[in-house]
Amino acid sequence: MNPWLTSQPDGVRLTLHLQPGARKTALAGEYGDALKIRLAAPPVEGKANAALLLWLAQALAVSKSAVTLLSGERNRHKIVAIRGIDAATALARLQALMQP
């Protein structure tokens, strides 16, 4: 399995590295032990965090309430928990979105 994806009893945990203020929101591949995501939202007053959680919910086809920011509120390095999805499904959905 990938170092940025951890299976949990009720879902998965993702280790992320964000690049806010990008032209468009998209996965950018791996960044060390994290999954890099470029976010179109600016890093101002929690807008990037809100955009990240909404984008992950849509990308993984789970409800917005199933996605929780565990750490990294004011940091580019974040850990997010997603309930109601298994690791294999999450990995397949994220890999389908990765840019070459």
PDB file of N, CA and C in Angstrom:
ATOM      1  N   MET A   1       0.846  -1.179   0.000  1.00  0.00           N
ATOM      2  CA  MET A   1       0.000   0.000   0.000  1.00  0.00           C
ATOM      3  C   MET A   1       0.890   1.241   0.000  1.00  0.00           C
ATOM      4  N   ASN A   2       0.285   2.372  -0.250  1.00  0.00           N
ATOM      5  CA  ASN A   2       1.011   3.637  -0.298  1.00  0.00           C
ATOM      6  C   ASN A   2       1.215   4.194   1.107  1.00  0.00           C
ATOM      7  N   PRO A   3       2.334   4.891   1.338  1.00  0.00           N
ATOM      8  CA  PRO A   3       2.580   5.444   2.679  1.00  0.00           C
ATOM      9  C   PRO A   3       1.593   6.548   3.056  1.00  0.00           C
ATOM     10  N   TRP A   4       0.958   7.182   2.090  1.00  0.00           N
ATOM     11  CA  TRP A   4       0.030   8.273   2.360  1.00  0.00           C
ATOM     12  C   TRP A   4      -1.404   7.801   2.595  1.00  0.00           C
ATOM     13  N   LEU A   5      -1.654   6.507   2.432  1.00  0.00           N
ATOM     14  CA  LEU A   5      -2.989   5.948   2.624  1.00  0.00           C
ATOM     15  C   LEU A   5      -2.948   4.883   3.710  1.00  0.00           C
ATOM     16  N   THR A   6      -3.689   5.096   4.786  1.00  0.00           N
ATOM     17  CA  THR A   6      -3.717   4.168   5.902  1.00  0.00           C
ATOM     18  C   THR A   6      -5.148   3.705   6.129  1.00  0.00           C
ATOM     19  N   SER A   7      -5.329   2.405   6.233  1.00  0.00           N
ATOM     20  CA  SER A   7      -6.649   1.843   6.502  1.00  0.00           C
ATOM     21  C   SER A   7      -6.977   2.024   7.985  1.00  0.00           C
ATOM     22  N   GLN A   8      -8.216   2.411   8.262  1.00  0.00           N
ATOM     23  CA  GLN A   8      -8.714   2.595   9.616  1.00  0.00           C
ATOM     24  C   GLN A   8      -9.953   1.723   9.790  1.00  0.00           C
ATOM     25  N   PRO A   9     -10.366   1.438  11.022  1.00  0.00           N
ATOM     26  CA  PRO A   9     -11.546   0.587  11.225  1.00  0.00           C
ATOM     27  C   PRO A   9     -12.820   1.116  10.553  1.00  0.00           C
ATOM     28  N   ASP A  10     -12.975   2.441  10.499  1.00  0.00           N
ATOM     29  CA  ASP A  10     -14.191   3.016   9.919  1.00  0.00           C
ATOM     30  C   ASP A  10     -13.966   3.718   8.582  1.00  0.00           C
ATOM     31  N   GLY A  11     -12.775   3.585   7.998  1.00  0.00           N
ATOM     32  CA  GLY A  11     -12.488   4.243   6.733  1.00  0.00           C
ATOM     33  C   GLY A  11     -10.998   4.275   6.443  1.00  0.00           C
ATOM     34  N   VAL A  12     -10.516   5.442   5.988  1.00  0.00           N
ATOM     35  CA  VAL A  12      -9.101   5.596   5.667  1.00  0.00           C
ATOM     36  C   VAL A  12      -8.577   6.907   6.219  1.00  0.00           C
ATOM     37  N   ARG A  13      -7.265   7.006   6.263  1.00  0.00           N
ATOM     38  CA  ARG A  13      -6.573   8.227   6.655  1.00  0.00           C
ATOM     39  C   ARG A  13      -5.603   8.576   5.537  1.00  0.00           C
ATOM     40  N   LEU A  14      -5.631   9.833   5.102  1.00  0.00           N
ATOM     41  CA  LEU A  14      -4.743  10.310   4.044  1.00  0.00           C
ATOM     42  C   LEU A  14      -3.749  11.317   4.608  1.00  0.00           C
ATOM     43  N   THR A  15      -2.494  11.177   4.211  1.00  0.00           N
ATOM     44  CA  THR A  15      -1.469  12.160   4.529  1.00  0.00           C
ATOM     45  C   THR A  15      -1.272  12.980   3.260  1.00  0.00           C
ATOM     46  N   LEU A  16      -1.466  14.286   3.369  1.00  0.00           N
ATOM     47  CA  LEU A  16      -1.487  15.150   2.192  1.00  0.00           C
ATOM     48  C   LEU A  16      -0.476  16.286   2.290  1.00  0.00           C
ATOM     49  N   HIS A  17      -0.008  16.720   1.122  1.00  0.00           N
ATOM     50  CA  HIS A  17       0.793  17.934   1.001  1.00  0.00           C
ATOM     51  C   HIS A  17       0.040  18.823   0.027  1.00  0.00           C
ATOM     52  N   LEU A  18      -0.325  20.027   0.470  1.00  0.00           N
ATOM     53  CA  LEU A  18      -1.136  20.915  -0.359  1.00  0.00           C
ATOM     54  C   LEU A  18      -0.327  22.031  -0.972  1.00  0.00           C
ATOM     55  N   GLN A  19      -0.770  22.439  -2.160  1.00  0.00           N
ATOM     56  CA  GLN A  19      -0.226  23.607  -2.824  1.00  0.00           C
ATOM     57  C   GLN A  19      -1.416  24.519  -3.138  1.00  0.00           C
ATOM     58  N   PRO A  20      -1.775  25.414  -2.206  1.00  0.00           N
ATOM     59  CA  PRO A  20      -2.915  26.298  -2.437  1.00  0.00           C
ATOM     60  C   PRO A  20      -2.591  27.377  -3.466  1.00  0.00           C
ATOM     61  N   GLY A  21      -3.645  27.960  -4.035  1.00  0.00           N
ATOM     62  CA  GLY A  21      -3.473  29.034  -5.007  1.00  0.00           C
ATOM     63  C   GLY A  21      -3.096  28.546  -6.390  1.00  0.00           C
ATOM     64  N   ALA A  22      -3.318  27.287  -6.688  1.00  0.00           N
ATOM     65  CA  ALA A  22      -2.992  26.734  -8.007  1.00  0.00           C
ATOM     66  C   ALA A  22      -4.035  27.180  -9.030  1.00  0.00           C
ATOM     67  N   ARG A  23      -3.739  26.958 -10.287  1.00  0.00           N
ATOM     68  CA  ARG A  23      -4.663  27.335 -11.357  1.00  0.00           C
ATOM     69  C   ARG A  23      -5.963  26.532 -11.262  1.00  0.00           C
ATOM     70  N   LYS A  24      -5.853  25.224 -10.975  1.00  0.00           N
ATOM     71  CA  LYS A  24      -7.035  24.386 -10.799  1.00  0.00           C
ATOM     72  C   LYS A  24      -6.747  23.324  -9.756  1.00  0.00           C
ATOM     73  N   THR A  25      -7.781  22.780  -9.168  1.00  0.00           N
ATOM     74  CA  THR A  25      -7.632  21.740  -8.155  1.00  0.00           C
ATOM     75  C   THR A  25      -7.425  20.396  -8.844  1.00  0.00           C
ATOM     76  N   ALA A  26      -6.340  19.712  -8.468  1.00  0.00           N
ATOM     77  CA  ALA A  26      -6.029  18.415  -9.081  1.00  0.00           C
ATOM     78  C   ALA A  26      -4.991  17.689  -8.241  1.00  0.00           C
ATOM     79  N   LEU A  27      -4.967  16.375  -8.390  1.00  0.00           N
ATOM     80  CA  LEU A  27      -3.914  15.577  -7.767  1.00  0.00           C
ATOM     81  C   LEU A  27      -2.634  15.769  -8.558  1.00  0.00           C
ATOM     82  N   ALA A  28      -1.508  15.806  -7.863  1.00  0.00           N
ATOM     83  CA  ALA A  28      -0.226  16.032  -8.524  1.00  0.00           C
ATOM     84  C   ALA A  28       0.757  14.897  -8.260  1.00  0.00           C
ATOM     85  N   GLY A  29       0.279  13.772  -7.747  1.00  0.00           N
ATOM     86  CA  GLY A  29       1.157  12.638  -7.491  1.00  0.00           C
ATOM     87  C   GLY A  29       1.657  12.608  -6.065  1.00  0.00           C
ATOM     88  N   GLU A  30       2.703  11.842  -5.868  1.00  0.00           N
ATOM     89  CA  GLU A  30       3.256  11.688  -4.525  1.00  0.00           C
ATOM     90  C   GLU A  30       4.318  12.744  -4.257  1.00  0.00           C
ATOM     91  N   TYR A  31       4.413  13.128  -2.989  1.00  0.00           N
ATOM     92  CA  TYR A  31       5.386  14.114  -2.537  1.00  0.00           C
ATOM     93  C   TYR A  31       5.984  13.558  -1.253  1.00  0.00           C
ATOM     94  N   GLY A  32       7.068  12.809  -1.378  1.00  0.00           N
ATOM     95  CA  GLY A  32       7.637  12.118  -0.229  1.00  0.00           C
ATOM     96  C   GLY A  32       6.677  11.035   0.229  1.00  0.00           C
ATOM     97  N   ASP A  33       6.280  11.084   1.497  1.00  0.00           N
ATOM     98  CA  ASP A  33       5.319  10.122   2.041  1.00  0.00           C
ATOM     99  C   ASP A  33       3.897  10.667   2.036  1.00  0.00           C
ATOM    100  N   ALA A  34       3.637  11.683   1.228  1.00  0.00           N
ATOM    101  CA  ALA A  34       2.317  12.307   1.181  1.00  0.00           C
ATOM    102  C   ALA A  34       1.796  12.330  -0.254  1.00  0.00           C
ATOM    103  N   LEU A  35       0.515  12.510  -0.381  1.00  0.00           N
ATOM    104  CA  LEU A  35      -0.124  12.701  -1.671  1.00  0.00           C
ATOM    105  C   LEU A  35      -0.242  14.206  -1.877  1.00  0.00           C
ATOM    106  N   LYS A  36       0.264  14.706  -3.010  1.00  0.00           N
ATOM    107  CA  LYS A  36       0.240  16.143  -3.265  1.00  0.00           C
ATOM    108  C   LYS A  36      -1.024  16.520  -4.018  1.00  0.00           C
ATOM    109  N   ILE A  37      -1.683  17.557  -3.512  1.00  0.00           N
ATOM    110  CA  ILE A  37      -2.887  18.082  -4.144  1.00  0.00           C
ATOM    111  C   ILE A  37      -2.690  19.569  -4.388  1.00  0.00           C
ATOM    112  N   ARG A  38      -2.929  19.979  -5.621  1.00  0.00           N
ATOM    113  CA  ARG A  38      -2.911  21.410  -5.959  1.00  0.00           C
ATOM    114  C   ARG A  38      -4.337  21.920  -5.793  1.00  0.00           C
ATOM    115  N   LEU A  39      -4.490  22.996  -5.009  1.00  0.00           N
ATOM    116  CA  LEU A  39      -5.808  23.564  -4.733  1.00  0.00           C
ATOM    117  C   LEU A  39      -5.954  24.929  -5.366  1.00  0.00           C
ATOM    118  N   ALA A  40      -7.093  25.159  -6.010  1.00  0.00           N
ATOM    119  CA  ALA A  40      -7.345  26.467  -6.615  1.00  0.00           C
ATOM    120  C   ALA A  40      -7.666  27.517  -5.551  1.00  0.00           C
ATOM    121  N   ALA A  41      -8.099  27.096  -4.395  1.00  0.00           N
ATOM    122  CA  ALA A  41      -8.478  28.026  -3.324  1.00  0.00           C
ATOM    123  C   ALA A  41      -7.241  28.674  -2.701  1.00  0.00           C
ATOM    124  N   PRO A  42      -7.363  29.938  -2.298  1.00  0.00           N
ATOM    125  CA  PRO A  42      -6.249  30.601  -1.622  1.00  0.00           C
ATOM    126  C   PRO A  42      -6.129  30.153  -0.167  1.00  0.00           C
ATOM    127  N   PRO A  43      -4.916  30.248   0.389  1.00  0.00           N
ATOM    128  CA  PRO A  43      -4.723  29.849   1.794  1.00  0.00           C
ATOM    129  C   PRO A  43      -5.104  30.967   2.761  1.00  0.00           C
ATOM    130  N   VAL A  44      -6.356  31.426   2.673  1.00  0.00           N
ATOM    131  CA  VAL A  44      -6.814  32.556   3.470  1.00  0.00           C
ATOM    132  C   VAL A  44      -8.044  32.152   4.275  1.00  0.00           C
ATOM    133  N   GLU A  45      -8.014  32.372   5.593  1.00  0.00           N
ATOM    134  CA  GLU A  45      -9.161  32.178   6.475  1.00  0.00           C
ATOM    135  C   GLU A  45      -9.837  30.826   6.301  1.00  0.00           C
ATOM    136  N   GLY A  46      -9.056  29.763   6.120  1.00  0.00           N
ATOM    137  CA  GLY A  46      -9.610  28.419   6.047  1.00  0.00           C
ATOM    138  C   GLY A  46     -10.251  28.039   4.724  1.00  0.00           C
ATOM    139  N   LYS A  47     -10.148  28.909   3.712  1.00  0.00           N
ATOM    140  CA  LYS A  47     -10.768  28.613   2.420  1.00  0.00           C
ATOM    141  C   LYS A  47     -10.141  27.383   1.761  1.00  0.00           C
ATOM    142  N   ALA A  48      -8.839  27.240   1.876  1.00  0.00           N
ATOM    143  CA  ALA A  48      -8.170  26.082   1.282  1.00  0.00           C
ATOM    144  C   ALA A  48      -8.593  24.799   1.982  1.00  0.00           C
ATOM    145  N   ASN A  49      -8.721  24.827   3.294  1.00  0.00           N
ATOM    146  CA  ASN A  49      -9.151  23.637   4.036  1.00  0.00           C
ATOM    147  C   ASN A  49     -10.572  23.240   3.641  1.00  0.00           C
ATOM    148  N   ALA A  50     -11.467  24.202   3.560  1.00  0.00           N
ATOM    149  CA  ALA A  50     -12.851  23.915   3.185  1.00  0.00           C
ATOM    150  C   ALA A  50     -12.918  23.360   1.769  1.00  0.00           C
ATOM    151  N   ALA A  51     -12.148  23.949   0.859  1.00  0.00           N
ATOM    152  CA  ALA A  51     -12.128  23.474  -0.527  1.00  0.00           C
ATOM    153  C   ALA A  51     -11.552  22.067  -0.608  1.00  0.00           C
ATOM    154  N   LEU A  52     -10.530  21.797   0.187  1.00  0.00           N
ATOM    155  CA  LEU A  52      -9.927  20.465   0.203  1.00  0.00           C
ATOM    156  C   LEU A  52     -10.927  19.414   0.648  1.00  0.00           C
ATOM    157  N   LEU A  53     -11.619  19.657   1.749  1.00  0.00           N
ATOM    158  CA  LEU A  53     -12.562  18.683   2.286  1.00  0.00           C
ATOM    159  C   LEU A  53     -13.714  18.432   1.313  1.00  0.00           C
ATOM    160  N   LEU A  54     -14.215  19.474   0.685  1.00  0.00           N
ATOM    161  CA  LEU A  54     -15.281  19.325  -0.301  1.00  0.00           C
ATOM    162  C   LEU A  54     -14.793  18.554  -1.522  1.00  0.00           C
ATOM    163  N   TRP A  55     -13.593  18.889  -2.007  1.00  0.00           N
ATOM    164  CA  TRP A  55     -13.041  18.210  -3.178  1.00  0.00           C
ATOM    165  C   TRP A  55     -12.802  16.724  -2.898  1.00  0.00           C
ATOM    166  N   LEU A  56     -12.264  16.415  -1.728  1.00  0.00           N
ATOM    167  CA  LEU A  56     -12.042  15.009  -1.376  1.00  0.00           C
ATOM    168  C   LEU A  56     -13.362  14.241  -1.282  1.00  0.00           C
ATOM    169  N   ALA A  57     -14.379  14.851  -0.699  1.00  0.00           N
ATOM    170  CA  ALA A  57     -15.682  14.191  -0.595  1.00  0.00           C
ATOM    171  C   ALA A  57     -16.223  13.869  -1.989  1.00  0.00           C
ATOM    172  N   GLN A  58     -16.118  14.819  -2.903  1.00  0.00           N
ATOM    173  CA  GLN A  58     -16.601  14.595  -4.262  1.00  0.00           C
ATOM    174  C   GLN A  58     -15.743  13.566  -4.994  1.00  0.00           C
ATOM    175  N   ALA A  59     -14.431  13.663  -4.859  1.00  0.00           N
ATOM    176  CA  ALA A  59     -13.524  12.754  -5.559  1.00  0.00           C
ATOM    177  C   ALA A  59     -13.683  11.311  -5.087  1.00  0.00           C
ATOM    178  N   LEU A  60     -13.971  11.134  -3.799  1.00  0.00           N
ATOM    179  CA  LEU A  60     -14.089   9.792  -3.243  1.00  0.00           C
ATOM    180  C   LEU A  60     -15.540   9.320  -3.136  1.00  0.00           C
ATOM    181  N   ALA A  61     -16.469  10.146  -3.590  1.00  0.00           N
ATOM    182  CA  ALA A  61     -17.895   9.816  -3.608  1.00  0.00           C
ATOM    183  C   ALA A  61     -18.408   9.459  -2.205  1.00  0.00           C
ATOM    184  N   VAL A  62     -18.077  10.311  -1.238  1.00  0.00           N
ATOM    185  CA  VAL A  62     -18.586  10.173   0.122  1.00  0.00           C
ATOM    186  C   VAL A  62     -19.247  11.499   0.510  1.00  0.00           C
ATOM    187  N   SER A  63     -19.986  11.501   1.593  1.00  0.00           N
ATOM    188  CA  SER A  63     -20.628  12.740   2.031  1.00  0.00           C
ATOM    189  C   SER A  63     -19.581  13.704   2.600  1.00  0.00           C
ATOM    190  N   LYS A  64     -19.924  14.990   2.590  1.00  0.00           N
ATOM    191  CA  LYS A  64     -19.015  15.994   3.144  1.00  0.00           C
ATOM    192  C   LYS A  64     -18.739  15.740   4.617  1.00  0.00           C
ATOM    193  N   SER A  65     -19.730  15.247   5.326  1.00  0.00           N
ATOM    194  CA  SER A  65     -19.561  15.003   6.761  1.00  0.00           C
ATOM    195  C   SER A  65     -18.649  13.810   7.048  1.00  0.00           C
ATOM    196  N   ALA A  66     -18.358  12.996   6.037  1.00  0.00           N
ATOM    197  CA  ALA A  66     -17.482  11.834   6.217  1.00  0.00           C
ATOM    198  C   ALA A  66     -16.003  12.213   6.157  1.00  0.00           C
ATOM    199  N   VAL A  67     -15.710  13.441   5.753  1.00  0.00           N
ATOM    200  CA  VAL A  67     -14.326  13.895   5.591  1.00  0.00           C
ATOM    201  C   VAL A  67     -13.984  14.869   6.709  1.00  0.00           C
ATOM    202  N   THR A  68     -12.923  14.543   7.471  1.00  0.00           N
ATOM    203  CA  THR A  68     -12.541  15.341   8.636  1.00  0.00           C
ATOM    204  C   THR A  68     -11.058  15.673   8.599  1.00  0.00           C
ATOM    205  N   LEU A  69     -10.734  16.925   8.824  1.00  0.00           N
ATOM    206  CA  LEU A  69      -9.342  17.347   8.939  1.00  0.00           C
ATOM    207  C   LEU A  69      -8.858  17.027  10.348  1.00  0.00           C
ATOM    208  N   LEU A  70      -7.878  16.129  10.456  1.00  0.00           N
ATOM    209  CA  LEU A  70      -7.360  15.733  11.765  1.00  0.00           C
ATOM    210  C   LEU A  70      -6.224  16.628  12.237  1.00  0.00           C
ATOM    211  N   SER A  71      -5.343  17.019  11.320  1.00  0.00           N
ATOM    212  CA  SER A  71      -4.232  17.897  11.696  1.00  0.00           C
ATOM    213  C   SER A  71      -3.765  18.692  10.489  1.00  0.00           C
ATOM    214  N   GLY A  72      -3.109  19.816  10.772  1.00  0.00           N
ATOM    215  CA  GLY A  72      -2.545  20.652   9.723  1.00  0.00           C
ATOM    216  C   GLY A  72      -3.430  21.800   9.291  1.00  0.00           C
ATOM    217  N   GLU A  73      -4.240  22.293  10.204  1.00  0.00           N
ATOM    218  CA  GLU A  73      -5.169  23.372   9.857  1.00  0.00           C
ATOM    219  C   GLU A  73      -4.461  24.581   9.240  1.00  0.00           C
ATOM    220  N   ARG A  74      -3.278  24.913   9.740  1.00  0.00           N
ATOM    221  CA  ARG A  74      -2.534  26.078   9.232  1.00  0.00           C
ATOM    222  C   ARG A  74      -1.207  25.657   8.619  1.00  0.00           C
ATOM    223  N   ASN A  75      -1.189  24.495   7.996  1.00  0.00           N
ATOM    224  CA  ASN A  75       0.049  23.939   7.458  1.00  0.00           C
ATOM    225  C   ASN A  75      -0.246  23.304   6.104  1.00  0.00           C
ATOM    226  N   ARG A  76       0.757  23.194   5.254  1.00  0.00           N
ATOM    227  CA  ARG A  76       0.584  22.514   3.973  1.00  0.00           C
ATOM    228  C   ARG A  76       0.491  21.004   4.146  1.00  0.00           C
ATOM    229  N   HIS A  77       1.072  20.492   5.207  1.00  0.00           N
ATOM    230  CA  HIS A  77       1.040  19.063   5.494  1.00  0.00           C
ATOM    231  C   HIS A  77      -0.198  18.783   6.336  1.00  0.00           C
ATOM    232  N   LYS A  78      -1.109  17.942   5.822  1.00  0.00           N
ATOM    233  CA  LYS A  78      -2.373  17.689   6.506  1.00  0.00           C
ATOM    234  C   LYS A  78      -2.649  16.197   6.604  1.00  0.00           C
ATOM    235  N   ILE A  79      -3.403  15.830   7.618  1.00  0.00           N
ATOM    236  CA  ILE A  79      -3.893  14.461   7.757  1.00  0.00           C
ATOM    237  C   ILE A  79      -5.410  14.543   7.795  1.00  0.00           C
ATOM    238  N   VAL A  80      -6.039  13.754   6.913  1.00  0.00           N
ATOM    239  CA  VAL A  80      -7.488  13.783   6.754  1.00  0.00           C
ATOM    240  C   VAL A  80      -8.039  12.373   6.961  1.00  0.00           C
ATOM    241  N   ALA A  81      -9.123  12.266   7.712  1.00  0.00           N
ATOM    242  CA  ALA A  81      -9.814  10.989   7.897  1.00  0.00           C
ATOM    243  C   ALA A  81     -11.063  10.984   7.029  1.00  0.00           C
ATOM    244  N   ILE A  82     -11.311   9.846   6.393  1.00  0.00           N
ATOM    245  CA  ILE A  82     -12.495   9.693   5.554  1.00  0.00           C
ATOM    246  C   ILE A  82     -13.219   8.429   6.000  1.00  0.00           C
ATOM    247  N   ARG A  83     -14.439   8.590   6.468  1.00  0.00           N
ATOM    248  CA  ARG A  83     -15.241   7.456   6.939  1.00  0.00           C
ATOM    249  C   ARG A  83     -16.067   6.884   5.793  1.00  0.00           C
ATOM    250  N   GLY A  84     -16.360   5.581   5.891  1.00  0.00           N
ATOM    251  CA  GLY A  84     -17.281   4.964   4.957  1.00  0.00           C
ATOM    252  C   GLY A  84     -16.688   4.532   3.634  1.00  0.00           C
ATOM    253  N   ILE A  85     -15.369   4.382   3.568  1.00  0.00           N
ATOM    254  CA  ILE A  85     -14.716   3.937   2.342  1.00  0.00           C
ATOM    255  C   ILE A  85     -13.528   3.065   2.735  1.00  0.00           C
ATOM    256  N   ASP A  86     -13.290   2.025   1.960  1.00  0.00           N
ATOM    257  CA  ASP A  86     -12.138   1.171   2.267  1.00  0.00           C
ATOM    258  C   ASP A  86     -10.924   1.636   1.474  1.00  0.00           C
ATOM    259  N   ALA A  87      -9.758   1.166   1.871  1.00  0.00           N
ATOM    260  CA  ALA A  87      -8.501   1.625   1.275  1.00  0.00           C
ATOM    261  C   ALA A  87      -8.413   1.303  -0.216  1.00  0.00           C
ATOM    262  N   ALA A  88      -8.851   0.131  -0.625  1.00  0.00           N
ATOM    263  CA  ALA A  88      -8.763  -0.259  -2.039  1.00  0.00           C
ATOM    264  C   ALA A  88      -9.627   0.649  -2.918  1.00  0.00           C
ATOM    265  N   THR A  89     -10.831   0.960  -2.454  1.00  0.00           N
ATOM    266  CA  THR A  89     -11.722   1.843  -3.209  1.00  0.00           C
ATOM    267  C   THR A  89     -11.162   3.252  -3.261  1.00  0.00           C
ATOM    268  N   ALA A  90     -10.675   3.754  -2.133  1.00  0.00           N
ATOM    269  CA  ALA A  90     -10.093   5.098  -2.097  1.00  0.00           C
ATOM    270  C   ALA A  90      -8.901   5.193  -3.034  1.00  0.00           C
ATOM    271  N   LEU A  91      -8.034   4.196  -3.002  1.00  0.00           N
ATOM    272  CA  LEU A  91      -6.856   4.192  -3.863  1.00  0.00           C
ATOM    273  C   LEU A  91      -7.257   4.186  -5.333  1.00  0.00           C
ATOM    274  N   ALA A  92      -8.215   3.357  -5.708  1.00  0.00           N
ATOM    275  CA  ALA A  92      -8.646   3.282  -7.099  1.00  0.00           C
ATOM    276  C   ALA A  92      -9.229   4.616  -7.563  1.00  0.00           C
ATOM    277  N   ARG A  93     -10.039   5.255  -6.724  1.00  0.00           N
ATOM    278  CA  ARG A  93     -10.652   6.534  -7.108  1.00  0.00           C
ATOM    279  C   ARG A  93      -9.623   7.647  -7.200  1.00  0.00           C
ATOM    280  N   LEU A  94      -8.652   7.662  -6.310  1.00  0.00           N
ATOM    281  CA  LEU A  94      -7.615   8.696  -6.357  1.00  0.00           C
ATOM    282  C   LEU A  94      -6.671   8.471  -7.539  1.00  0.00           C
ATOM    283  N   GLN A  95      -6.301   7.232  -7.810  1.00  0.00           N
ATOM    284  CA  GLN A  95      -5.417   6.960  -8.944  1.00  0.00           C
ATOM    285  C   GLN A  95      -6.070   7.326 -10.270  1.00  0.00           C
ATOM    286  N   ALA A  96      -7.380   7.194 -10.356  1.00  0.00           N
ATOM    287  CA  ALA A  96      -8.092   7.572 -11.574  1.00  0.00           C
ATOM    288  C   ALA A  96      -8.021   9.077 -11.821  1.00  0.00           C
ATOM    289  N   LEU A  97      -7.795   9.858 -10.762  1.00  0.00           N
ATOM    290  CA  LEU A  97      -7.736  11.321 -10.881  1.00  0.00           C
ATOM    291  C   LEU A  97      -6.331  11.875 -11.056  1.00  0.00           C
ATOM    292  N   MET A  98      -5.319  11.036 -10.864  1.00  0.00           N
ATOM    293  CA  MET A  98      -3.929  11.533 -10.918  1.00  0.00           C
ATOM    294  C   MET A  98      -3.546  11.973 -12.322  1.00  0.00           C
ATOM    295  N   GLN A  99      -2.884  13.128 -12.371  1.00  0.00           N
ATOM    296  CA  GLN A  99      -2.378  13.639 -13.644  1.00  0.00           C
ATOM    297  C   GLN A  99      -1.095  12.911 -13.989  1.00  0.00           C
ATOM    298  N   PRO A 100      -0.869  12.653 -15.268  1.00  0.00           N
ATOM    299  CA  PRO A 100       0.392  11.969 -15.656  1.00  0.00           C
ATOM    300  C   PRO A 100       1.614  12.824 -15.403  1.00  0.00           C
TER     301      PRO A 100
END
